[in-house]
N, C-alpha and C. Protein backbone atom coordinates (compact mmCIF):
# COMPACT_ATOMS: atom_id res chain seq x y z
N MET A 1 -32.33 23.69 -19.13
CA MET A 1 -31.77 24.90 -18.78
C MET A 1 -30.22 25.26 -18.94
N LYS A 2 -30.34 26.53 -19.52
CA LYS A 2 -28.99 27.19 -19.97
C LYS A 2 -28.11 27.41 -18.66
N ILE A 3 -26.58 26.77 -18.76
CA ILE A 3 -26.05 27.56 -17.59
C ILE A 3 -24.74 28.71 -18.00
N ALA A 4 -24.72 29.58 -17.09
CA ALA A 4 -23.94 30.45 -17.44
C ALA A 4 -22.34 30.04 -17.79
N LEU A 5 -21.60 30.32 -18.54
CA LEU A 5 -20.39 29.77 -18.69
C LEU A 5 -19.38 29.95 -17.42
N LYS A 6 -19.48 30.81 -16.87
CA LYS A 6 -18.49 31.25 -16.16
C LYS A 6 -18.79 29.99 -14.66
N ASN A 7 -20.14 29.05 -14.63
CA ASN A 7 -20.68 28.03 -14.08
C ASN A 7 -20.22 26.49 -14.44
N TRP A 8 -19.48 26.57 -15.58
CA TRP A 8 -19.66 25.20 -16.44
C TRP A 8 -19.25 24.20 -15.59
N TYR A 9 -17.87 24.59 -14.45
CA TYR A 9 -17.48 23.21 -13.79
C TYR A 9 -18.31 22.56 -13.05
N ARG A 10 -19.51 23.36 -12.42
CA ARG A 10 -20.36 22.86 -11.56
C ARG A 10 -21.05 21.69 -11.85
N ILE A 11 -21.16 21.46 -12.65
CA ILE A 11 -22.10 20.24 -13.58
C ILE A 11 -20.68 19.26 -13.53
N LEU A 12 -19.55 19.32 -13.46
CA LEU A 12 -18.35 18.42 -13.56
C LEU A 12 -18.46 18.11 -12.35
N ALA A 13 -19.47 17.42 -11.51
CA ALA A 13 -19.22 17.28 -9.73
C ALA A 13 -20.18 15.69 -9.67
N PRO A 14 -19.84 14.97 -8.64
CA PRO A 14 -18.53 15.59 -7.90
C PRO A 14 -17.42 15.47 -8.24
N ARG A 15 -16.53 15.74 -7.77
CA ARG A 15 -14.77 15.69 -8.03
C ARG A 15 -14.19 15.19 -6.86
N PRO A 16 -12.92 14.68 -6.97
CA PRO A 16 -12.18 14.04 -5.59
C PRO A 16 -11.45 14.96 -5.15
N VAL A 17 -11.62 15.18 -4.01
CA VAL A 17 -10.78 16.50 -3.21
C VAL A 17 -9.44 15.92 -2.73
N VAL A 18 -8.55 16.76 -2.85
CA VAL A 18 -7.44 16.36 -2.03
C VAL A 18 -6.74 17.34 -1.28
N LEU A 19 -5.95 16.94 -0.30
CA LEU A 19 -5.19 17.79 0.35
C LEU A 19 -3.96 18.44 -0.21
N ILE A 20 -3.08 19.03 -0.99
CA ILE A 20 -1.84 19.30 -1.32
C ILE A 20 -0.93 19.66 -0.70
N SER A 21 0.11 19.13 -0.30
CA SER A 21 0.94 19.55 0.91
C SER A 21 2.21 19.86 0.21
N THR A 22 2.45 20.87 0.30
CA THR A 22 4.39 21.69 0.09
C THR A 22 5.04 22.19 1.25
N VAL A 23 6.12 22.50 1.01
CA VAL A 23 7.00 23.24 1.98
C VAL A 23 7.79 24.53 1.21
N SER A 24 7.85 25.70 1.94
CA SER A 24 8.34 26.76 1.20
C SER A 24 10.06 26.53 1.23
N ALA A 25 10.55 27.20 0.92
CA ALA A 25 12.08 26.94 0.80
C ALA A 25 12.72 27.57 2.20
N ASP A 26 12.10 28.14 2.97
CA ASP A 26 12.79 28.12 4.65
C ASP A 26 12.17 26.91 5.40
N GLY A 27 11.54 26.06 4.60
CA GLY A 27 10.94 24.86 5.93
C GLY A 27 9.39 24.88 6.19
N THR A 28 8.76 26.20 5.86
CA THR A 28 7.52 26.04 6.69
C THR A 28 6.51 25.05 5.81
N SER A 29 5.61 24.25 6.50
CA SER A 29 4.92 23.62 5.57
C SER A 29 3.53 24.40 5.46
N ASN A 30 2.72 23.88 3.86
CA ASN A 30 1.81 24.57 3.51
C ASN A 30 0.76 23.48 3.44
N LEU A 31 -0.56 23.32 3.25
CA LEU A 31 -1.23 22.36 2.88
C LEU A 31 -2.35 22.99 2.61
N ALA A 32 -3.39 22.78 1.42
CA ALA A 32 -4.41 23.02 0.52
C ALA A 32 -5.39 22.45 -0.10
N PRO A 33 -6.71 22.49 0.03
CA PRO A 33 -7.91 21.67 -0.75
C PRO A 33 -7.77 21.89 -2.15
N PHE A 34 -7.80 20.96 -3.00
CA PHE A 34 -8.14 21.14 -4.57
C PHE A 34 -8.58 20.29 -4.75
N SER A 35 -9.64 20.38 -5.82
CA SER A 35 -10.52 19.51 -6.49
C SER A 35 -10.54 19.58 -7.91
N PHE A 36 -9.45 20.32 -8.95
CA PHE A 36 -9.36 20.23 -10.04
C PHE A 36 -8.54 19.53 -10.29
N VAL A 37 -8.27 18.26 -9.92
CA VAL A 37 -7.02 17.27 -9.80
C VAL A 37 -7.63 16.13 -11.20
N ALA A 38 -6.18 15.78 -11.75
CA ALA A 38 -6.63 14.31 -12.37
C ALA A 38 -5.58 13.82 -13.16
N PRO A 39 -5.35 12.44 -13.37
CA PRO A 39 -4.28 11.74 -13.77
C PRO A 39 -4.26 11.93 -15.09
N VAL A 40 -3.26 12.15 -15.28
CA VAL A 40 -2.67 12.63 -16.98
C VAL A 40 -2.00 11.62 -17.59
N SER A 41 -1.21 10.87 -17.24
CA SER A 41 -0.30 9.57 -17.88
C SER A 41 -0.05 8.63 -16.86
N ILE A 42 -0.04 7.35 -17.37
CA ILE A 42 0.32 6.04 -16.50
C ILE A 42 1.54 6.19 -17.07
N GLU A 43 2.01 5.95 -17.94
CA GLU A 43 3.64 6.09 -18.01
C GLU A 43 4.33 7.19 -19.18
N PRO A 44 5.01 7.82 -18.43
CA PRO A 44 5.51 8.07 -17.25
C PRO A 44 4.17 8.23 -16.33
N PRO A 45 4.23 8.01 -14.90
CA PRO A 45 3.04 8.19 -14.28
C PRO A 45 2.90 9.95 -13.65
N LEU A 46 2.27 10.42 -14.25
CA LEU A 46 2.03 11.81 -14.17
C LEU A 46 0.30 12.33 -13.47
N ILE A 47 0.63 13.35 -12.48
CA ILE A 47 -0.96 13.86 -12.02
C ILE A 47 -0.59 15.40 -12.07
N ALA A 48 -1.96 15.75 -12.44
CA ALA A 48 -2.14 17.34 -12.65
C ALA A 48 -3.05 18.03 -11.60
N PHE A 49 -2.76 19.05 -11.53
CA PHE A 49 -4.07 19.87 -10.34
C PHE A 49 -3.69 21.64 -11.16
N ALA A 50 -5.01 22.12 -10.86
CA ALA A 50 -4.92 23.56 -11.65
C ALA A 50 -5.63 24.29 -10.11
N SER A 51 -4.88 25.42 -10.18
CA SER A 51 -4.79 26.32 -8.99
C SER A 51 -4.75 28.02 -9.38
N ASP A 52 -5.13 28.82 -8.43
CA ASP A 52 -4.88 29.99 -8.54
C ASP A 52 -3.18 30.50 -8.97
N PRO A 53 -2.85 30.94 -9.72
CA PRO A 53 -1.19 31.33 -10.04
C PRO A 53 -0.83 31.99 -8.50
N GLY A 54 -1.48 32.77 -7.98
CA GLY A 54 -1.26 33.21 -6.61
C GLY A 54 -1.02 32.72 -5.56
N HIS A 55 -1.55 31.29 -5.46
CA HIS A 55 -1.60 30.37 -4.31
C HIS A 55 -0.39 30.31 -3.81
N ASP A 56 -0.35 29.83 -2.34
CA ASP A 56 0.85 29.31 -2.01
C ASP A 56 1.79 28.28 -2.40
N THR A 57 0.58 27.12 -2.88
CA THR A 57 1.10 26.06 -3.29
C THR A 57 1.57 26.26 -4.32
N VAL A 58 1.34 26.93 -5.24
CA VAL A 58 2.16 27.26 -6.38
C VAL A 58 3.63 27.65 -6.14
N ARG A 59 3.59 28.86 -5.49
CA ARG A 59 4.21 29.35 -4.95
C ARG A 59 5.69 28.26 -4.38
N ASN A 60 5.32 27.67 -3.62
CA ASN A 60 6.10 26.34 -2.96
C ASN A 60 6.43 25.88 -4.05
N ILE A 61 5.66 25.07 -4.75
CA ILE A 61 5.83 24.05 -5.93
C ILE A 61 6.93 24.74 -6.92
N THR A 62 6.83 25.45 -7.41
CA THR A 62 7.78 26.23 -8.51
C THR A 62 9.28 26.36 -7.94
N ARG A 63 9.19 26.92 -6.25
CA ARG A 63 10.53 27.26 -6.01
C ARG A 63 11.18 25.59 -5.54
N THR A 64 10.37 24.83 -4.91
CA THR A 64 11.04 23.83 -4.20
C THR A 64 11.16 22.47 -5.31
N LYS A 65 10.02 22.34 -6.15
CA LYS A 65 10.05 21.35 -7.31
C LYS A 65 9.56 19.89 -6.71
N ASN A 66 8.75 20.27 -5.38
CA ASN A 66 7.78 19.04 -4.89
C ASN A 66 6.64 19.05 -4.18
N PHE A 67 6.14 18.10 -3.97
CA PHE A 67 4.96 18.42 -3.36
C PHE A 67 4.17 17.02 -3.20
N VAL A 68 3.07 16.70 -2.34
CA VAL A 68 2.33 15.57 -1.73
C VAL A 68 0.89 15.66 -2.26
N VAL A 69 0.24 14.66 -2.94
CA VAL A 69 -1.32 14.92 -2.63
C VAL A 69 -1.79 13.92 -2.07
N ASN A 70 -2.66 14.40 -1.07
CA ASN A 70 -2.90 13.50 0.03
C ASN A 70 -4.51 13.29 -0.19
N ILE A 71 -4.79 12.23 0.22
CA ILE A 71 -6.43 11.55 -0.22
C ILE A 71 -6.74 11.77 1.25
N PRO A 72 -7.72 12.26 1.56
CA PRO A 72 -8.49 12.55 2.82
C PRO A 72 -9.83 11.79 2.64
N GLY A 73 -10.25 11.13 4.37
CA GLY A 73 -11.58 10.85 3.99
C GLY A 73 -12.44 10.99 4.94
N LYS A 74 -14.03 11.27 4.66
CA LYS A 74 -14.59 12.03 5.55
C LYS A 74 -14.46 12.33 6.89
N GLY A 75 -13.93 11.44 7.79
CA GLY A 75 -13.36 11.82 8.91
C GLY A 75 -12.46 13.10 9.37
N ILE A 76 -11.94 13.84 8.13
CA ILE A 76 -11.51 14.67 8.44
C ILE A 76 -11.52 16.13 7.77
N LEU A 77 -13.11 16.22 7.14
CA LEU A 77 -13.74 17.01 6.48
C LEU A 77 -13.71 18.54 6.99
N GLY A 78 -13.92 18.49 8.38
CA GLY A 78 -13.76 19.74 9.12
C GLY A 78 -12.48 20.38 9.11
N LYS A 79 -11.53 19.52 9.27
CA LYS A 79 -10.12 20.06 9.02
C LYS A 79 -9.46 20.40 7.76
N LEU A 80 -9.84 19.54 6.54
CA LEU A 80 -9.57 19.70 5.32
C LEU A 80 -10.32 21.37 5.06
N TRP A 81 -11.69 21.82 5.30
CA TRP A 81 -12.40 22.58 5.18
C TRP A 81 -11.26 24.06 6.10
N ALA A 82 -11.16 23.92 7.10
CA ALA A 82 -9.98 24.72 7.42
C ALA A 82 -8.70 25.49 7.19
N CYS A 83 -8.17 24.24 6.16
CA CYS A 83 -7.21 24.32 5.32
C CYS A 83 -7.41 25.48 4.29
N ALA A 84 -8.92 25.54 3.83
CA ALA A 84 -9.07 26.60 2.69
C ALA A 84 -8.92 27.89 3.09
N GLY A 85 -8.81 28.24 4.54
CA GLY A 85 -8.68 29.48 4.84
C GLY A 85 -7.73 30.40 4.52
N ASP A 86 -7.98 32.12 4.39
CA ASP A 86 -6.85 32.40 3.36
C ASP A 86 -6.02 33.01 4.65
N PHE A 87 -4.59 32.28 4.88
CA PHE A 87 -3.76 32.49 5.95
C PHE A 87 -2.55 33.40 5.34
N PRO A 88 -1.66 34.05 6.05
CA PRO A 88 -0.49 34.98 5.32
C PRO A 88 0.56 33.96 4.93
N TYR A 89 0.96 34.12 4.03
CA TYR A 89 2.31 32.92 3.36
C TYR A 89 3.34 32.98 4.32
N GLY A 90 3.57 31.55 4.86
CA GLY A 90 4.70 31.37 6.27
C GLY A 90 3.95 30.53 7.63
N VAL A 91 2.54 31.02 7.32
CA VAL A 91 1.59 30.32 7.86
C VAL A 91 1.29 28.75 7.89
N SER A 92 1.54 28.15 8.52
CA SER A 92 1.15 26.61 8.21
C SER A 92 0.10 26.14 8.25
N GLU A 93 -0.80 25.75 7.45
CA GLU A 93 -2.31 25.32 7.63
C GLU A 93 -2.36 23.86 8.24
N PHE A 94 -1.30 22.92 8.41
CA PHE A 94 -1.11 21.74 9.33
C PHE A 94 -1.61 22.41 10.67
N LYS A 95 -1.19 23.13 11.44
CA LYS A 95 -0.98 23.80 12.51
C LYS A 95 -2.73 24.53 13.13
N LYS A 96 -2.96 25.35 11.89
CA LYS A 96 -4.23 26.16 12.02
C LYS A 96 -5.31 24.83 11.98
N ALA A 97 -5.56 23.93 11.32
CA ALA A 97 -6.10 22.58 11.21
C ALA A 97 -6.27 21.43 11.98
N LYS A 98 -4.81 21.77 12.78
CA LYS A 98 -4.65 20.78 13.77
C LYS A 98 -4.41 19.33 12.81
N LEU A 99 -3.74 19.22 11.94
CA LEU A 99 -3.19 18.00 11.57
C LEU A 99 -2.00 17.68 11.25
N HIS A 100 -1.61 15.92 11.29
CA HIS A 100 0.04 16.27 11.59
C HIS A 100 0.59 15.87 10.39
N GLU A 101 1.92 16.56 10.32
CA GLU A 101 2.83 16.19 9.13
C GLU A 101 3.37 14.70 9.50
N MET A 102 3.82 13.98 8.21
CA MET A 102 4.44 13.27 8.83
C MET A 102 5.53 13.13 7.70
N PRO A 103 6.94 12.41 7.65
CA PRO A 103 7.66 12.46 6.62
C PRO A 103 7.34 11.82 5.27
N SER A 104 7.62 12.29 4.33
CA SER A 104 7.46 11.50 3.45
C SER A 104 8.76 10.56 2.75
N ARG A 105 8.29 9.78 1.85
CA ARG A 105 9.55 8.72 1.60
C ARG A 105 10.44 9.17 0.58
N VAL A 106 10.49 10.04 -0.26
CA VAL A 106 10.93 10.47 -1.37
C VAL A 106 11.17 11.75 -1.23
N VAL A 107 10.10 12.91 -1.33
CA VAL A 107 9.99 14.03 -1.56
C VAL A 107 10.17 14.87 -0.24
N ARG A 108 10.42 16.21 -0.38
CA ARG A 108 10.64 16.83 0.98
C ARG A 108 9.39 17.36 1.86
N ALA A 109 8.52 17.85 1.04
CA ALA A 109 7.21 18.13 1.40
C ALA A 109 6.60 16.96 2.12
N PRO A 110 5.91 17.13 3.53
CA PRO A 110 5.77 16.19 4.53
C PRO A 110 3.96 15.53 3.46
N ARG A 111 3.65 14.49 4.34
CA ARG A 111 2.76 13.58 3.94
C ARG A 111 1.68 13.88 5.02
N VAL A 112 0.52 13.74 4.96
CA VAL A 112 -0.80 14.17 5.86
C VAL A 112 -1.02 12.77 6.76
N LYS A 113 -0.83 12.96 7.94
CA LYS A 113 -0.63 11.46 8.72
C LYS A 113 -2.17 10.95 8.67
N GLU A 114 -3.19 12.13 8.90
CA GLU A 114 -5.01 11.62 8.91
C GLU A 114 -5.39 11.29 7.15
N CYS A 115 -4.61 11.46 6.25
CA CYS A 115 -4.89 10.80 5.07
C CYS A 115 -4.54 9.48 4.71
N PHE A 116 -5.47 8.86 4.08
CA PHE A 116 -5.49 7.39 3.80
C PHE A 116 -4.72 7.07 2.89
N ALA A 117 -4.38 8.09 1.94
CA ALA A 117 -3.25 7.62 1.12
C ALA A 117 -2.38 8.84 0.71
N HIS A 118 -1.11 8.54 -0.12
CA HIS A 118 -0.43 9.83 -0.37
C HIS A 118 0.63 9.48 -1.72
N ILE A 119 0.39 10.64 -2.30
CA ILE A 119 1.29 10.48 -4.04
C ILE A 119 2.28 11.68 -4.22
N GLU A 120 3.48 10.98 -3.91
CA GLU A 120 4.73 12.03 -3.60
C GLU A 120 4.94 12.49 -4.99
N CYS A 121 5.42 13.89 -5.27
CA CYS A 121 5.59 14.13 -6.43
C CYS A 121 6.72 15.38 -6.73
N THR A 122 7.36 15.12 -7.93
CA THR A 122 8.42 16.05 -8.13
C THR A 122 7.53 16.76 -9.38
N LEU A 123 8.16 18.12 -9.66
CA LEU A 123 7.70 19.17 -10.36
C LEU A 123 7.63 18.53 -12.11
N HIS A 124 7.05 18.37 -12.83
CA HIS A 124 7.38 18.07 -14.03
C HIS A 124 7.13 19.22 -15.01
N SER A 125 5.87 19.79 -14.84
CA SER A 125 6.00 21.07 -15.46
C SER A 125 4.70 22.00 -14.99
N ALA A 126 4.96 23.46 -15.41
CA ALA A 126 3.74 24.32 -15.16
C ALA A 126 3.34 25.36 -15.86
N ARG A 127 2.19 25.50 -15.94
CA ARG A 127 2.14 26.59 -17.13
C ARG A 127 0.76 27.25 -16.73
N GLU A 128 0.63 28.46 -17.11
CA GLU A 128 -0.52 28.96 -16.94
C GLU A 128 -1.39 28.66 -18.13
N VAL A 129 -2.75 28.35 -17.99
CA VAL A 129 -3.87 28.04 -18.48
C VAL A 129 -5.14 28.63 -18.35
N GLY A 130 -5.42 29.74 -19.17
CA GLY A 130 -6.88 30.43 -18.49
C GLY A 130 -6.16 31.30 -17.46
N ASP A 131 -7.39 31.15 -16.33
CA ASP A 131 -6.85 31.88 -15.06
C ASP A 131 -6.46 31.00 -14.07
N HIS A 132 -5.76 29.88 -14.40
CA HIS A 132 -5.15 29.05 -13.45
C HIS A 132 -3.75 28.36 -14.00
N MET A 133 -3.17 27.85 -13.11
CA MET A 133 -1.88 27.51 -13.26
C MET A 133 -2.40 26.04 -13.20
N LEU A 134 -1.72 25.42 -14.46
CA LEU A 134 -1.70 23.88 -14.27
C LEU A 134 -0.30 23.19 -13.86
N VAL A 135 -0.26 22.59 -12.71
CA VAL A 135 0.80 21.88 -12.38
C VAL A 135 0.87 20.60 -12.34
N VAL A 136 1.71 20.00 -12.95
CA VAL A 136 2.12 18.31 -13.78
C VAL A 136 2.90 17.94 -12.57
N GLY A 137 2.22 16.99 -11.90
CA GLY A 137 3.59 16.34 -11.01
C GLY A 137 4.21 14.99 -11.35
N ALA A 138 5.62 14.71 -11.17
CA ALA A 138 5.99 13.39 -11.80
C ALA A 138 5.73 12.37 -10.62
N ILE A 139 4.97 11.39 -10.55
CA ILE A 139 4.87 10.69 -9.58
C ILE A 139 5.77 9.91 -8.84
N ARG A 140 6.92 9.85 -7.70
CA ARG A 140 7.90 8.99 -7.49
C ARG A 140 7.40 7.98 -6.29
N ALA A 141 6.30 8.30 -5.38
CA ALA A 141 6.09 6.87 -4.83
C ALA A 141 4.56 7.37 -4.36
N VAL A 142 3.98 6.27 -3.98
CA VAL A 142 2.55 6.41 -3.62
C VAL A 142 2.17 5.15 -2.86
N ASP A 143 1.43 5.51 -1.77
CA ASP A 143 0.92 4.56 -0.84
C ASP A 143 -0.51 4.48 0.03
N ILE A 144 -0.68 3.78 0.42
CA ILE A 144 -2.20 3.63 0.31
C ILE A 144 -2.72 2.42 2.09
N LYS A 145 -3.58 2.73 3.06
CA LYS A 145 -3.56 1.96 3.92
C LYS A 145 -3.81 0.52 3.37
N ASP A 146 -3.65 -0.30 4.13
CA ASP A 146 -3.57 -1.96 3.82
C ASP A 146 -5.13 -2.33 3.56
N ALA A 147 -6.09 -1.52 4.55
CA ALA A 147 -7.15 -2.11 4.34
C ALA A 147 -7.92 -1.56 3.31
N LEU A 148 -7.40 -0.67 2.37
CA LEU A 148 -7.94 0.03 1.36
C LEU A 148 -7.69 -0.59 0.05
N TYR A 149 -6.93 -1.39 -0.09
CA TYR A 149 -6.29 -2.09 -1.33
C TYR A 149 -6.49 -3.39 -1.11
N HIS A 150 -7.22 -4.04 -1.46
CA HIS A 150 -7.21 -5.76 -1.56
C HIS A 150 -6.95 -5.79 -2.83
N LYS A 151 -6.15 -7.02 -3.16
CA LYS A 151 -5.63 -7.72 -4.37
C LYS A 151 -6.08 -6.76 -5.76
N GLY A 152 -5.29 -5.90 -5.47
CA GLY A 152 -5.01 -4.84 -6.46
C GLY A 152 -6.33 -3.79 -6.96
N VAL A 153 -7.25 -3.86 -6.08
CA VAL A 153 -8.44 -3.39 -5.70
C VAL A 153 -8.64 -2.22 -4.90
N TYR A 154 -8.93 -1.02 -5.44
CA TYR A 154 -9.27 0.21 -4.49
C TYR A 154 -10.42 0.00 -3.44
N GLN A 155 -10.24 -0.27 -2.01
CA GLN A 155 -11.81 -0.23 -1.51
C GLN A 155 -12.37 1.06 -1.65
N ILE A 156 -13.16 1.39 -2.72
CA ILE A 156 -13.43 3.40 -2.37
C ILE A 156 -14.42 3.17 -1.40
N ALA A 157 -15.83 2.25 -1.62
CA ALA A 157 -16.72 2.77 -0.40
C ALA A 157 -16.11 2.60 1.19
N LYS A 158 -14.86 1.69 1.40
CA LYS A 158 -14.51 1.73 2.95
C LYS A 158 -13.48 3.12 3.24
N SER A 159 -13.30 3.44 1.90
CA SER A 159 -12.48 4.93 2.33
C SER A 159 -13.21 5.96 2.71
N ASN A 160 -14.12 6.15 2.49
CA ASN A 160 -15.11 7.19 2.62
C ASN A 160 -14.48 8.51 1.88
N VAL A 161 -13.62 8.55 1.14
CA VAL A 161 -13.19 9.48 0.03
C VAL A 161 -13.93 10.66 -0.15
N LEU A 162 -13.79 11.72 -0.04
CA LEU A 162 -14.41 13.00 0.02
C LEU A 162 -14.68 13.51 -1.72
N MET A 163 -15.74 13.34 -2.02
CA MET A 163 -16.18 14.17 -3.25
C MET A 163 -16.46 15.67 -3.01
N HIS A 164 -15.94 16.42 -4.14
CA HIS A 164 -16.29 17.75 -3.71
C HIS A 164 -17.34 18.10 -5.06
N ILE A 165 -18.57 18.68 -4.28
CA ILE A 165 -19.89 19.07 -5.24
C ILE A 165 -19.89 20.87 -5.73
N GLY A 166 -19.45 21.54 -4.58
CA GLY A 166 -19.37 22.71 -4.89
C GLY A 166 -19.19 23.54 -3.38
N SER A 167 -18.40 24.62 -3.24
CA SER A 167 -18.54 25.30 -2.04
C SER A 167 -18.17 24.61 -0.96
N GLU A 168 -19.31 24.43 0.12
CA GLU A 168 -19.02 23.57 1.28
C GLU A 168 -19.57 22.42 1.44
N LYS A 169 -20.06 21.97 -0.02
CA LYS A 169 -20.86 20.46 0.07
C LYS A 169 -19.87 19.72 -0.63
N PHE A 170 -20.10 17.92 -0.27
CA PHE A 170 -19.30 17.22 -0.37
C PHE A 170 -20.04 16.12 -0.29
N ALA A 171 -19.80 15.04 -0.89
CA ALA A 171 -20.34 13.43 -1.13
C ALA A 171 -19.30 12.55 -0.87
N ILE A 172 -19.72 11.36 -0.63
CA ILE A 172 -18.95 10.54 -0.51
C ILE A 172 -19.37 9.34 -0.92
N PRO A 173 -18.56 8.27 -1.52
CA PRO A 173 -19.20 7.31 -2.33
C PRO A 173 -20.12 6.14 -1.74
N GLY A 174 -21.36 5.80 -1.94
CA GLY A 174 -22.02 4.86 -1.16
C GLY A 174 -22.61 3.61 -1.92
N LYS A 175 -21.99 3.09 -3.14
CA LYS A 175 -22.53 2.21 -3.77
C LYS A 175 -21.56 1.86 -5.17
N MET A 176 -21.00 0.97 -5.22
CA MET A 176 -20.12 0.58 -6.48
C MET A 176 -21.05 0.11 -7.71
N VAL A 177 -20.91 0.27 -8.93
CA VAL A 177 -21.71 -0.07 -9.97
C VAL A 177 -20.74 -0.41 -10.64
N ARG A 178 -21.36 -1.84 -11.41
CA ARG A 178 -20.71 -2.34 -13.19
C ARG A 178 -21.27 -2.26 -13.96
N ALA A 179 -20.48 -1.99 -15.05
CA ALA A 179 -20.73 -1.44 -16.82
C ALA A 179 -21.47 -2.55 -17.06
N SER A 180 -21.16 -3.82 -16.72
CA SER A 180 -21.96 -5.19 -17.13
C SER A 180 -22.04 -5.85 -16.42
């Protein structure tokens, strides 16, 4: 079956979905879901995500130079989806979704208390790429709930990490398989 080029990304699924938290220059928190996210370097540690250039997340990051990649589990799917709403600039999605802010260890943007892992970043670079803005973050701190990281191995099946399929459809990993 031939796929229209405008839909090419739909077959690159499922993709991990994250909540990116930022803070405006005046201190208002912002929270938005993204599934165009990828690690881009181990040394130095860098993570990237793609966003509509007009998104409040991009606006805040380019002004304050920091953000947090929060990794949610299935238990907050409804709240994550509420963050995807179209709210005016200056309205906190934390409050709209009834999620809780907690201070980050290194950056100014808050972490999401209900998420099981957090990647704190400062802005490395941002540039337009096609119809999106590619934002690269320099990772400054990482934490994960103790029960989900055992002997250096991420316990993905226990985390119920959300994977985005498209629109309102998500999946969670059910089984780990090995190549050998």
